[in-house]
PDB file of N, CA and C in Angstrom:
ATOM      1  N   MET A   1       0.889  -1.173  -0.025  1.00  0.00           N
ATOM      2  CA  MET A   1      -0.094  -0.072  -0.164  1.00  0.00           C
ATOM      3  C   MET A   1       1.223   1.226   0.441  1.00  0.00           C
ATOM      4  N   ALA A   2       0.471   1.977  -0.687  1.00  0.00           N
ATOM      5  CA  ALA A   2       1.215   3.360  -0.251  1.00  0.00           C
ATOM      6  C   ALA A   2       0.450   4.304   0.553  1.00  0.00           C
ATOM      7  N   LYS A   3       1.731   5.065   1.051  1.00  0.00           N
ATOM      8  CA  LYS A   3       1.621   6.053   1.785  1.00  0.00           C
ATOM      9  C   LYS A   3       1.273   7.253   1.236  1.00  0.00           C
ATOM     10  N   HIS A   4       0.634   7.566   2.005  1.00  0.00           N
ATOM     11  CA  HIS A   4      -0.152   9.090   1.641  1.00  0.00           C
ATOM     12  C   HIS A   4       0.372  10.648   2.399  1.00  0.00           C
ATOM     13  N   GLY A   5       0.936  11.469   1.713  1.00  0.00           N
ATOM     14  CA  GLY A   5       2.074  11.912   2.356  1.00  0.00           C
ATOM     15  C   GLY A   5       0.906  13.301   2.497  1.00  0.00           C
ATOM     16  N   GLY A   6       1.447  13.628   3.496  1.00  0.00           N
ATOM     17  CA  GLY A   6       0.409  15.251   4.488  1.00  0.00           C
ATOM     18  C   GLY A   6      -1.082  14.693   4.482  1.00  0.00           C
ATOM     19  N   TYR A   7      -1.308  13.007   4.123  1.00  0.00           N
ATOM     20  CA  TYR A   7      -2.433  12.658   4.394  1.00  0.00           C
ATOM     21  C   TYR A   7      -3.109  12.936   6.337  1.00  0.00           C
ATOM     22  N   MET A   8      -4.452  14.488   6.473  1.00  0.00           N
ATOM     23  CA  MET A   8      -5.094  14.546   7.191  1.00  0.00           C
ATOM     24  C   MET A   8      -5.887  13.991   8.050  1.00  0.00           C
ATOM     25  N   GLY A   9      -6.707  12.606   8.552  1.00  0.00           N
ATOM     26  CA  GLY A   9      -7.770  12.098   8.422  1.00  0.00           C
ATOM     27  C   GLY A   9      -8.853  12.897   7.296  1.00  0.00           C
ATOM     28  N   GLY A  10      -8.147  12.532   6.031  1.00  0.00           N
ATOM     29  CA  GLY A  10      -9.387  13.727   4.809  1.00  0.00           C
ATOM     30  C   GLY A  10      -8.810  14.676   4.653  1.00  0.00           C
ATOM     31  N   MET A  11      -8.199  15.330   5.334  1.00  0.00           N
ATOM     32  CA  MET A  11      -8.274  16.841   4.907  1.00  0.00           C
ATOM     33  C   MET A  11      -6.841  16.808   4.885  1.00  0.00           C
ATOM     34  N   SER A  12      -6.688  17.831   3.913  1.00  0.00           N
ATOM     35  CA  SER A  12      -4.753  18.545   3.752  1.00  0.00           C
ATOM     36  C   SER A  12      -4.234  19.682   4.189  1.00  0.00           C
ATOM     37  N   GLY A  13      -3.118  20.196   5.070  1.00  0.00           N
ATOM     38  CA  GLY A  13      -3.425  21.003   5.405  1.00  0.00           C
ATOM     39  C   GLY A  13      -4.137  22.109   5.032  1.00  0.00           C
ATOM     40  N   MET A  14      -3.297  22.535   3.560  1.00  0.00           N
ATOM     41  CA  MET A  14      -4.469  23.882   3.252  1.00  0.00           C
ATOM     42  C   MET A  14      -5.916  23.949   3.280  1.00  0.00           C
ATOM     43  N   ASN A  15      -6.466  22.497   3.658  1.00  0.00           N
ATOM     44  CA  ASN A  15      -8.102  22.574   3.334  1.00  0.00           C
ATOM     45  C   ASN A  15      -8.564  22.516   4.991  1.00  0.00           C
ATOM     46  N   MET A  16      -7.377  22.370   5.660  1.00  0.00           N
ATOM     47  CA  MET A  16      -7.764  22.663   7.157  1.00  0.00           C
ATOM     48  C   MET A  16      -7.640  24.198   7.986  1.00  0.00           C
ATOM     49  N   ASN A  17      -6.660  24.715   6.924  1.00  0.00           N
ATOM     50  CA  ASN A  17      -5.966  26.671   6.931  1.00  0.00           C
ATOM     51  C   ASN A  17      -7.586  26.543   6.670  1.00  0.00           C
ATOM     52  N   ASN A  18      -7.759  26.506   5.547  1.00  0.00           N
ATOM     53  CA  ASN A  18      -8.943  27.173   4.885  1.00  0.00           C
ATOM     54  C   ASN A  18     -10.164  27.482   6.137  1.00  0.00           C
ATOM     55  N   LEU A  19     -10.269  26.241   6.416  1.00  0.00           N
ATOM     56  CA  LEU A  19     -11.170  25.340   8.052  1.00  0.00           C
ATOM     57  C   LEU A  19     -11.254  26.917   9.126  1.00  0.00           C
ATOM     58  N   MET A  20     -10.170  26.652   9.712  1.00  0.00           N
ATOM     59  CA  MET A  20      -9.968  27.412  10.380  1.00  0.00           C
ATOM     60  C   MET A  20      -9.944  29.428  10.629  1.00  0.00           C
ATOM     61  N   LYS A  21      -9.876  29.589   9.159  1.00  0.00           N
ATOM     62  CA  LYS A  21     -10.043  31.021   8.892  1.00  0.00           C
ATOM     63  C   LYS A  21     -11.676  30.708   8.513  1.00  0.00           C
ATOM     64  N   GLN A  22     -12.275  29.539   8.281  1.00  0.00           N
ATOM     65  CA  GLN A  22     -13.712  30.314   7.899  1.00  0.00           C
ATOM     66  C   GLN A  22     -14.924  30.702   9.152  1.00  0.00           C
ATOM     67  N   ALA A  23     -13.456  29.938  10.251  1.00  0.00           N
ATOM     68  CA  ALA A  23     -14.088  30.120  11.502  1.00  0.00           C
ATOM     69  C   ALA A  23     -13.835  30.751  12.799  1.00  0.00           C
ATOM     70  N   GLN A  24     -12.318  31.412  12.221  1.00  0.00           N
ATOM     71  CA  GLN A  24     -12.654  32.358  12.778  1.00  0.00           C
ATOM     72  C   GLN A  24     -12.862  33.514  12.186  1.00  0.00           C
ATOM     73  N   LYS A  25     -13.841  33.517  11.011  1.00  0.00           N
ATOM     74  CA  LYS A  25     -13.962  35.018  10.655  1.00  0.00           C
ATOM     75  C   LYS A  25     -15.889  34.541  11.064  1.00  0.00           C
ATOM     76  N   MET A  26     -16.718  33.269  11.565  1.00  0.00           N
ATOM     77  CA  MET A  26     -17.133  33.229  11.877  1.00  0.00           C
ATOM     78  C   MET A  26     -17.279  33.608  13.413  1.00  0.00           C
ATOM     79  N   GLN A  27     -16.861  32.873  13.831  1.00  0.00           N
ATOM     80  CA  GLN A  27     -16.275  33.800  15.723  1.00  0.00           C
ATOM     81  C   GLN A  27     -16.678  34.759  14.994  1.00  0.00           C
ATOM     82  N   ALA A  28     -16.104  36.492  14.644  1.00  0.00           N
ATOM     83  CA  ALA A  28     -15.864  37.131  14.758  1.00  0.00           C
ATOM     84  C   ALA A  28     -17.075  38.119  14.715  1.00  0.00           C
ATOM     85  N   GLN A  29     -17.536  37.493  13.174  1.00  0.00           N
ATOM     86  CA  GLN A  29     -19.128  37.486  12.831  1.00  0.00           C
ATOM     87  C   GLN A  29     -20.925  37.422  14.048  1.00  0.00           C
ATOM     88  N   MET A  30     -20.423  36.061  14.468  1.00  0.00           N
ATOM     89  CA  MET A  30     -20.823  36.057  15.613  1.00  0.00           C
ATOM     90  C   MET A  30     -20.904  37.759  17.324  1.00  0.00           C
ATOM     91  N   GLN A  31     -19.413  37.470  17.184  1.00  0.00           N
ATOM     92  CA  GLN A  31     -19.449  38.334  18.543  1.00  0.00           C
ATOM     93  C   GLN A  31     -20.069  39.143  17.444  1.00  0.00           C
ATOM     94  N   GLN A  32     -19.487  40.561  16.699  1.00  0.00           N
ATOM     95  CA  GLN A  32     -19.888  41.762  16.193  1.00  0.00           C
ATOM     96  C   GLN A  32     -21.468  41.844  15.910  1.00  0.00           C
ATOM     97  N   GLN A  33     -22.304  40.631  16.333  1.00  0.00           N
ATOM     98  CA  GLN A  33     -24.075  40.773  16.204  1.00  0.00           C
ATOM     99  C   GLN A  33     -23.981  40.862  17.462  1.00  0.00           C
ATOM    100  N   ALA A  34     -23.324  40.133  17.817  1.00  0.00           N
ATOM    101  CA  ALA A  34     -23.645  39.724  19.686  1.00  0.00           C
ATOM    102  C   ALA A  34     -23.645  40.977  19.748  1.00  0.00           C
ATOM    103  N   GLN A  35     -22.782  41.917  19.887  1.00  0.00           N
ATOM    104  CA  GLN A  35     -22.431  43.611  20.075  1.00  0.00           C
ATOM    105  C   GLN A  35     -23.123  43.972  19.751  1.00  0.00           C
ATOM    106  N   GLU A  36     -24.007  44.153  18.483  1.00  0.00           N
ATOM    107  CA  GLU A  36     -25.350  45.240  17.726  1.00  0.00           C
ATOM    108  C   GLU A  36     -26.184  45.314  18.912  1.00  0.00           C
ATOM    109  N   LEU A  37     -26.922  43.640  18.807  1.00  0.00           N
ATOM    110  CA  LEU A  37     -28.005  43.175  19.475  1.00  0.00           C
ATOM    111  C   LEU A  37     -28.160  43.797  20.801  1.00  0.00           C
ATOM    112  N   GLU A  38     -26.163  43.864  21.850  1.00  0.00           N
ATOM    113  CA  GLU A  38     -26.877  44.172  23.171  1.00  0.00           C
ATOM    114  C   GLU A  38     -27.283  45.909  22.756  1.00  0.00           C
ATOM    115  N   THR A  39     -26.478  46.555  21.922  1.00  0.00           N
ATOM    116  CA  THR A  39     -27.167  47.800  22.035  1.00  0.00           C
ATOM    117  C   THR A  39     -28.481  48.434  21.964  1.00  0.00           C
ATOM    118  N   LYS A  40     -29.531  46.826  21.214  1.00  0.00           N
ATOM    119  CA  LYS A  40     -30.906  47.506  20.201  1.00  0.00           C
ATOM    120  C   LYS A  40     -31.779  47.430  22.022  1.00  0.00           C
ATOM    121  N   GLU A  41     -32.859  48.083  21.469  1.00  0.00           N
ATOM    122  CA  GLU A  41     -33.682  48.099  22.444  1.00  0.00           C
ATOM    123  C   GLU A  41     -35.513  47.272  21.110  1.00  0.00           C
ATOM    124  N   PHE A  42     -35.371  46.877  22.837  1.00  0.00           N
ATOM    125  CA  PHE A  42     -37.133  46.290  22.089  1.00  0.00           C
ATOM    126  C   PHE A  42     -38.534  46.695  23.561  1.00  0.00           C
ATOM    127  N   LYS A  43     -39.720  47.372  22.454  1.00  0.00           N
ATOM    128  CA  LYS A  43     -40.646  48.086  22.979  1.00  0.00           C
ATOM    129  C   LYS A  43     -41.757  46.702  23.022  1.00  0.00           C
ATOM    130  N   ALA A  44     -42.604  46.626  23.870  1.00  0.00           N
ATOM    131  CA  ALA A  44     -43.432  45.654  23.832  1.00  0.00           C
ATOM    132  C   ALA A  44     -44.358  46.486  24.898  1.00  0.00           C
ATOM    133  N   THR A  45     -46.529  46.729  24.334  1.00  0.00           N
ATOM    134  CA  THR A  45     -47.267  46.629  25.385  1.00  0.00           C
ATOM    135  C   THR A  45     -48.456  45.438  25.718  1.00  0.00           C
ATOM    136  N   SER A  46     -49.452  46.197  26.858  1.00  0.00           N
ATOM    137  CA  SER A  46     -49.887  45.522  27.021  1.00  0.00           C
ATOM    138  C   SER A  46     -51.626  45.916  27.536  1.00  0.00           C
ATOM    139  N   GLY A  47     -52.499  45.209  27.428  1.00  0.00           N
ATOM    140  CA  GLY A  47     -53.296  45.774  27.439  1.00  0.00           C
ATOM    141  C   GLY A  47     -53.821  46.660  26.832  1.00  0.00           C
ATOM    142  N   GLY A  48     -53.860  47.392  25.850  1.00  0.00           N
ATOM    143  CA  GLY A  48     -54.358  48.090  24.805  1.00  0.00           C
ATOM    144  C   GLY A  48     -53.305  49.208  24.647  1.00  0.00           C
ATOM    145  N   GLY A  49     -51.861  49.154  25.411  1.00  0.00           N
ATOM    146  CA  GLY A  49     -50.898  50.153  25.268  1.00  0.00           C
ATOM    147  C   GLY A  49     -51.139  50.816  26.924  1.00  0.00           C
ATOM    148  N   ALA A  50     -52.276  49.776  27.817  1.00  0.00           N
ATOM    149  CA  ALA A  50     -52.120  50.612  29.343  1.00  0.00           C
ATOM    150  C   ALA A  50     -50.502  50.120  29.728  1.00  0.00           C
ATOM    151  N   VAL A  51     -49.602  48.934  29.197  1.00  0.00           N
ATOM    152  CA  VAL A  51     -48.111  48.723  29.724  1.00  0.00           C
ATOM    153  C   VAL A  51     -47.853  48.704  29.270  1.00  0.00           C
ATOM    154  N   SER A  52     -46.761  49.627  29.003  1.00  0.00           N
ATOM    155  CA  SER A  52     -45.952  49.472  27.998  1.00  0.00           C
ATOM    156  C   SER A  52     -44.241  49.179  28.769  1.00  0.00           C
ATOM    157  N   VAL A  53     -43.525  48.836  28.003  1.00  0.00           N
ATOM    158  CA  VAL A  53     -42.232  48.120  28.866  1.00  0.00           C
ATOM    159  C   VAL A  53     -40.982  48.171  27.615  1.00  0.00           C
ATOM    160  N   THR A  54     -40.063  48.201  28.077  1.00  0.00           N
ATOM    161  CA  THR A  54     -38.556  48.940  27.187  1.00  0.00           C
ATOM    162  C   THR A  54     -37.150  48.015  27.835  1.00  0.00           C
ATOM    163  N   VAL A  55     -36.589  46.533  26.538  1.00  0.00           N
ATOM    164  CA  VAL A  55     -36.084  46.093  27.061  1.00  0.00           C
ATOM    165  C   VAL A  55     -34.644  45.902  26.035  1.00  0.00           C
ATOM    166  N   SER A  56     -33.295  46.490  26.857  1.00  0.00           N
ATOM    167  CA  SER A  56     -32.831  45.581  25.764  1.00  0.00           C
ATOM    168  C   SER A  56     -32.153  44.961  25.334  1.00  0.00           C
ATOM    169  N   GLY A  57     -31.406  43.906  24.181  1.00  0.00           N
ATOM    170  CA  GLY A  57     -30.811  43.267  23.550  1.00  0.00           C
ATOM    171  C   GLY A  57     -29.733  42.635  24.595  1.00  0.00           C
ATOM    172  N   ARG A  58     -29.728  42.952  26.359  1.00  0.00           N
ATOM    173  CA  ARG A  58     -28.879  41.940  26.707  1.00  0.00           C
ATOM    174  C   ARG A  58     -29.707  41.726  27.656  1.00  0.00           C
ATOM    175  N   LYS A  59     -31.322  42.039  28.088  1.00  0.00           N
ATOM    176  CA  LYS A  59     -32.606  41.030  28.318  1.00  0.00           C
ATOM    177  C   LYS A  59     -32.092  41.974  29.856  1.00  0.00           C
ATOM    178  N   GLU A  60     -32.160  43.542  29.731  1.00  0.00           N
ATOM    179  CA  GLU A  60     -32.213  44.527  30.896  1.00  0.00           C
ATOM    180  C   GLU A  60     -33.737  45.741  31.023  1.00  0.00           C
ATOM    181  N   LEU A  61     -34.716  44.998  31.781  1.00  0.00           N
ATOM    182  CA  LEU A  61     -35.107  45.620  31.713  1.00  0.00           C
ATOM    183  C   LEU A  61     -34.825  47.583  32.059  1.00  0.00           C
ATOM    184  N   LYS A  62     -35.125  48.492  31.185  1.00  0.00           N
ATOM    185  CA  LYS A  62     -35.051  49.281  30.610  1.00  0.00           C
ATOM    186  C   LYS A  62     -35.830  50.330  30.822  1.00  0.00           C
ATOM    187  N   ASN A  63     -36.929  50.345  30.967  1.00  0.00           N
ATOM    188  CA  ASN A  63     -37.970  51.486  31.397  1.00  0.00           C
ATOM    189  C   ASN A  63     -39.326  50.585  31.456  1.00  0.00           C
ATOM    190  N   ILE A  64     -40.359  51.159  32.496  1.00  0.00           N
ATOM    191  CA  ILE A  64     -41.580  50.417  32.447  1.00  0.00           C
ATOM    192  C   ILE A  64     -42.871  51.857  32.566  1.00  0.00           C
ATOM    193  N   GLU A  65     -43.652  52.007  31.741  1.00  0.00           N
ATOM    194  CA  GLU A  65     -44.624  53.008  31.826  1.00  0.00           C
ATOM    195  C   GLU A  65     -46.279  52.212  31.692  1.00  0.00           C
ATOM    196  N   ILE A  66     -46.850  53.009  32.702  1.00  0.00           N
ATOM    197  CA  ILE A  66     -47.849  52.263  32.845  1.00  0.00           C
ATOM    198  C   ILE A  66     -49.049  53.522  32.548  1.00  0.00           C
ATOM    199  N   ALA A  67     -50.327  53.677  32.673  1.00  0.00           N
ATOM    200  CA  ALA A  67     -51.156  54.266  32.630  1.00  0.00           C
ATOM    201  C   ALA A  67     -51.757  54.465  33.789  1.00  0.00           C
ATOM    202  N   LYS A  68     -52.884  55.794  33.873  1.00  0.00           N
ATOM    203  CA  LYS A  68     -52.628  55.457  34.780  1.00  0.00           C
ATOM    204  C   LYS A  68     -54.256  54.876  35.510  1.00  0.00           C
ATOM    205  N   GLU A  69     -55.029  55.371  34.608  1.00  0.00           N
ATOM    206  CA  GLU A  69     -55.957  53.658  34.553  1.00  0.00           C
ATOM    207  C   GLU A  69     -55.766  52.635  34.165  1.00  0.00           C
ATOM    208  N   ALA A  70     -54.471  52.640  34.165  1.00  0.00           N
ATOM    209  CA  ALA A  70     -54.283  50.813  34.495  1.00  0.00           C
ATOM    210  C   ALA A  70     -54.175  50.628  36.443  1.00  0.00           C
ATOM    211  N   VAL A  71     -53.721  51.077  36.975  1.00  0.00           N
ATOM    212  CA  VAL A  71     -53.996  51.594  37.716  1.00  0.00           C
ATOM    213  C   VAL A  71     -55.572  51.008  39.182  1.00  0.00           C
ATOM    214  N   ASP A  72     -55.801  50.478  39.497  1.00  0.00           N
ATOM    215  CA  ASP A  72     -57.219  49.982  39.807  1.00  0.00           C
ATOM    216  C   ASP A  72     -56.651  48.879  41.389  1.00  0.00           C
ATOM    217  N   PRO A  73     -56.821  49.478  42.441  1.00  0.00           N
ATOM    218  CA  PRO A  73     -56.109  49.656  43.475  1.00  0.00           C
ATOM    219  C   PRO A  73     -57.308  48.060  43.847  1.00  0.00           C
ATOM    220  N   GLU A  74     -58.351  47.772  43.381  1.00  0.00           N
ATOM    221  CA  GLU A  74     -58.959  46.828  43.946  1.00  0.00           C
ATOM    222  C   GLU A  74     -58.511  45.422  42.901  1.00  0.00           C
ATOM    223  N   ASP A  75     -57.841  45.782  42.034  1.00  0.00           N
ATOM    224  CA  ASP A  75     -57.010  45.100  40.701  1.00  0.00           C
ATOM    225  C   ASP A  75     -55.951  44.887  40.441  1.00  0.00           C
ATOM    226  N   VAL A  76     -55.320  44.739  41.550  1.00  0.00           N
ATOM    227  CA  VAL A  76     -53.354  44.828  41.351  1.00  0.00           C
ATOM    228  C   VAL A  76     -53.345  43.237  40.535  1.00  0.00           C
ATOM    229  N   GLU A  77     -53.094  42.267  40.538  1.00  0.00           N
ATOM    230  CA  GLU A  77     -53.484  40.978  39.272  1.00  0.00           C
ATOM    231  C   GLU A  77     -53.514  41.690  38.520  1.00  0.00           C
ATOM    232  N   MET A  78     -54.547  42.164  37.674  1.00  0.00           N
ATOM    233  CA  MET A  78     -54.076  42.416  36.667  1.00  0.00           C
ATOM    234  C   MET A  78     -53.880  43.657  35.816  1.00  0.00           C
ATOM    235  N   LEU A  79     -52.906  44.247  36.897  1.00  0.00           N
ATOM    236  CA  LEU A  79     -52.359  45.201  36.674  1.00  0.00           C
ATOM    237  C   LEU A  79     -50.789  44.870  36.022  1.00  0.00           C
ATOM    238  N   GLN A  80     -50.733  42.923  37.298  1.00  0.00           N
ATOM    239  CA  GLN A  80     -49.343  42.686  37.217  1.00  0.00           C
ATOM    240  C   GLN A  80     -49.486  42.047  35.965  1.00  0.00           C
ATOM    241  N   ASP A  81     -50.399  41.040  35.719  1.00  0.00           N
ATOM    242  CA  ASP A  81     -50.253  40.829  34.454  1.00  0.00           C
ATOM    243  C   ASP A  81     -50.365  41.161  33.018  1.00  0.00           C
ATOM    244  N   MET A  82     -50.424  42.753  33.194  1.00  0.00           N
ATOM    245  CA  MET A  82     -50.452  43.654  31.581  1.00  0.00           C
ATOM    246  C   MET A  82     -48.419  43.576  32.224  1.00  0.00           C
ATOM    247  N   ILE A  83     -48.296  43.581  32.820  1.00  0.00           N
ATOM    248  CA  ILE A  83     -46.777  44.064  33.424  1.00  0.00           C
ATOM    249  C   ILE A  83     -45.281  42.644  32.842  1.00  0.00           C
ATOM    250  N   MET A  84     -46.369  41.611  32.927  1.00  0.00           N
ATOM    251  CA  MET A  84     -45.699  40.084  32.560  1.00  0.00           C
ATOM    252  C   MET A  84     -45.370  40.034  31.286  1.00  0.00           C
ATOM    253  N   ALA A  85     -47.388  40.093  31.272  1.00  0.00           N
ATOM    254  CA  ALA A  85     -47.114  39.996  29.628  1.00  0.00           C
ATOM    255  C   ALA A  85     -46.443  40.133  28.676  1.00  0.00           C
ATOM    256  N   ALA A  86     -46.235  42.360  28.981  1.00  0.00           N
ATOM    257  CA  ALA A  86     -45.679  43.185  27.997  1.00  0.00           C
ATOM    258  C   ALA A  86     -43.559  42.483  28.442  1.00  0.00           C
ATOM    259  N   VAL A  87     -43.713  42.448  28.893  1.00  0.00           N
ATOM    260  CA  VAL A  87     -41.772  42.313  28.977  1.00  0.00           C
ATOM    261  C   VAL A  87     -41.678  41.008  28.705  1.00  0.00           C
ATOM    262  N   ASN A  88     -42.551  39.955  29.067  1.00  0.00           N
ATOM    263  CA  ASN A  88     -41.941  38.037  28.608  1.00  0.00           C
ATOM    264  C   ASN A  88     -41.946  38.833  27.097  1.00  0.00           C
ATOM    265  N   ASP A  89     -43.432  39.437  25.774  1.00  0.00           N
ATOM    266  CA  ASP A  89     -42.956  39.439  24.711  1.00  0.00           C
ATOM    267  C   ASP A  89     -41.437  40.423  24.152  1.00  0.00           C
ATOM    268  N   ALA A  90     -41.087  41.544  24.552  1.00  0.00           N
ATOM    269  CA  ALA A  90     -40.409  42.195  24.694  1.00  0.00           C
ATOM    270  C   ALA A  90     -38.830  41.601  24.797  1.00  0.00           C
ATOM    271  N   LEU A  91     -38.784  39.820  25.886  1.00  0.00           N
ATOM    272  CA  LEU A  91     -38.077  39.391  25.714  1.00  0.00           C
ATOM    273  C   LEU A  91     -38.439  38.228  25.040  1.00  0.00           C
ATOM    274  N   HIS A  92     -39.378  37.916  24.320  1.00  0.00           N
ATOM    275  CA  HIS A  92     -39.256  37.029  23.052  1.00  0.00           C
ATOM    276  C   HIS A  92     -38.960  37.396  22.281  1.00  0.00           C
ATOM    277  N   GLN A  93     -38.383  39.288  22.010  1.00  0.00           N
ATOM    278  CA  GLN A  93     -38.765  39.616  20.848  1.00  0.00           C
ATOM    279  C   GLN A  93     -36.216  40.159  20.251  1.00  0.00           C
ATOM    280  N   VAL A  94     -36.330  39.951  21.873  1.00  0.00           N
ATOM    281  CA  VAL A  94     -35.185  39.231  22.055  1.00  0.00           C
ATOM    282  C   VAL A  94     -34.161  38.556  21.430  1.00  0.00           C
ATOM    283  N   ASP A  95     -34.795  37.499  22.067  1.00  0.00           N
ATOM    284  CA  ASP A  95     -34.916  35.700  21.581  1.00  0.00           C
ATOM    285  C   ASP A  95     -35.244  36.462  19.613  1.00  0.00           C
ATOM    286  N   GLY A  96     -36.117  36.844  19.317  1.00  0.00           N
ATOM    287  CA  GLY A  96     -36.170  36.559  17.747  1.00  0.00           C
ATOM    288  C   GLY A  96     -35.276  37.372  16.971  1.00  0.00           C
ATOM    289  N   GLU A  97     -34.717  38.167  17.699  1.00  0.00           N
ATOM    290  CA  GLU A  97     -34.157  39.592  16.595  1.00  0.00           C
ATOM    291  C   GLU A  97     -32.735  38.165  16.566  1.00  0.00           C
ATOM    292  N   ASN A  98     -32.277  37.317  18.225  1.00  0.00           N
ATOM    293  CA  ASN A  98     -30.882  36.477  17.709  1.00  0.00           C
ATOM    294  C   ASN A  98     -30.715  35.929  17.458  1.00  0.00           C
ATOM    295  N   ALA A  99     -32.104  34.598  17.637  1.00  0.00           N
ATOM    296  CA  ALA A  99     -32.028  33.420  16.188  1.00  0.00           C
ATOM    297  C   ALA A  99     -31.933  34.536  14.771  1.00  0.00           C
ATOM    298  N   LYS A 100     -32.917  34.975  14.140  1.00  0.00           N
ATOM    299  CA  LYS A 100     -32.125  36.143  12.888  1.00  0.00           C
ATOM    300  C   LYS A 100     -30.799  35.770  12.968  1.00  0.00           C
ATOM    301  N   MET A 101     -29.996  36.952  13.556  1.00  0.00           N
ATOM    302  CA  MET A 101     -28.483  36.867  13.482  1.00  0.00           C
ATOM    303  C   MET A 101     -27.967  35.096  13.162  1.00  0.00           C
ATOM    304  N   MET A 102     -28.090  34.773  13.882  1.00  0.00           N
ATOM    305  CA  MET A 102     -27.622  33.774  14.012  1.00  0.00           C
ATOM    306  C   MET A 102     -27.607  32.923  12.972  1.00  0.00           C
ATOM    307  N   GLY A 103     -29.116  32.496  12.531  1.00  0.00           N
ATOM    308  CA  GLY A 103     -29.682  32.329  11.023  1.00  0.00           C
ATOM    309  C   GLY A 103     -28.958  32.730   9.948  1.00  0.00           C
ATOM    310  N   GLY A 104     -28.561  34.246   9.823  1.00  0.00           N
ATOM    311  CA  GLY A 104     -27.358  34.727   8.821  1.00  0.00           C
ATOM    312  C   GLY A 104     -26.251  34.135   8.730  1.00  0.00           C
ATOM    313  N   LEU A 105     -25.707  33.322   9.588  1.00  0.00           N
ATOM    314  CA  LEU A 105     -24.269  32.556   9.824  1.00  0.00           C
ATOM    315  C   LEU A 105     -24.558  31.194   9.152  1.00  0.00           C
ATOM    316  N   ASN A 106     -25.551  31.266   8.025  1.00  0.00           N
ATOM    317  CA  ASN A 106     -25.342  29.417   7.995  1.00  0.00           C
ATOM    318  C   ASN A 106     -24.049  29.488   7.482  1.00  0.00           C
ATOM    319  N   GLY A 107     -23.141  29.868   7.197  1.00  0.00           N
ATOM    320  CA  GLY A 107     -21.422  29.251   7.239  1.00  0.00           C
ATOM    321  C   GLY A 107     -21.860  28.175   7.600  1.00  0.00           C
ATOM    322  N   LEU A 108     -21.537  27.907   9.211  1.00  0.00           N
ATOM    323  CA  LEU A 108     -21.375  27.091   9.951  1.00  0.00           C
ATOM    324  C   LEU A 108     -21.603  25.458   9.381  1.00  0.00           C
ATOM    325  N   ASN A 109     -22.868  24.971   8.371  1.00  0.00           N
ATOM    326  CA  ASN A 109     -23.220  23.592   8.378  1.00  0.00           C
ATOM    327  C   ASN A 109     -22.232  23.415   7.166  1.00  0.00           C
ATOM    328  N   GLY A 110     -21.798  24.458   5.672  1.00  0.00           N
ATOM    329  CA  GLY A 110     -20.748  23.864   5.331  1.00  0.00           C
ATOM    330  C   GLY A 110     -19.200  23.677   5.713  1.00  0.00           C
ATOM    331  N   LEU A 111     -19.106  24.171   7.096  1.00  0.00           N
ATOM    332  CA  LEU A 111     -17.665  23.579   7.530  1.00  0.00           C
ATOM    333  C   LEU A 111     -17.741  22.494   8.562  1.00  0.00           C
ATOM    334  N   LEU A 112     -18.890  21.954   8.285  1.00  0.00           N
ATOM    335  CA  LEU A 112     -18.815  20.529   9.202  1.00  0.00           C
ATOM    336  C   LEU A 112     -19.274  19.643   8.510  1.00  0.00           C
TER     337      LEU A 112
END
């Protein structure tokens, strides 16, 4: 049997270098997108606009606005539900944006 020079598990040294360059490029893109996501803000409302919240791309609550008419001492639970709904909606927006950004990095499939 003949020996194959430079044989590395089916990849030549040149292909391995290209693979490493692509992986480094993809890692840099992922870091850049993560930084961009952190600077964005996501706003959501509930209760027909009675409650409005803003969260950062880092999933930090930045602002809550509550309309005066939403504050009913006899129905605090409803206000709590509206706040929770708005916060959860804003956090889902962050997750959706993150998934969209990561979906743009389809090059990973080509590396495997």
